[in-house]
């Protein structure tokens, strides 16, 4: 039973170490995204769906019949 308490204490210490490392990385700017805001305006437009071959063939037939 004592080993369970020891393992529990060790796991809490390891979890606190990882929490401290995560908080340090957040405060030091590790997760700041400096690239995306500068190019976000380039990708705001919706993508134009390209016509598939059957759609193009149908359009060509309609244009030829006129």
Foldseek 3Di string as FASTA:
>chain_A
DVVVVVVVVVVVVVVVVVVVVVVVCVVVCVPPDPPCVVCVVVPPDDDDDDDDPVVVVVVVVVVVVD
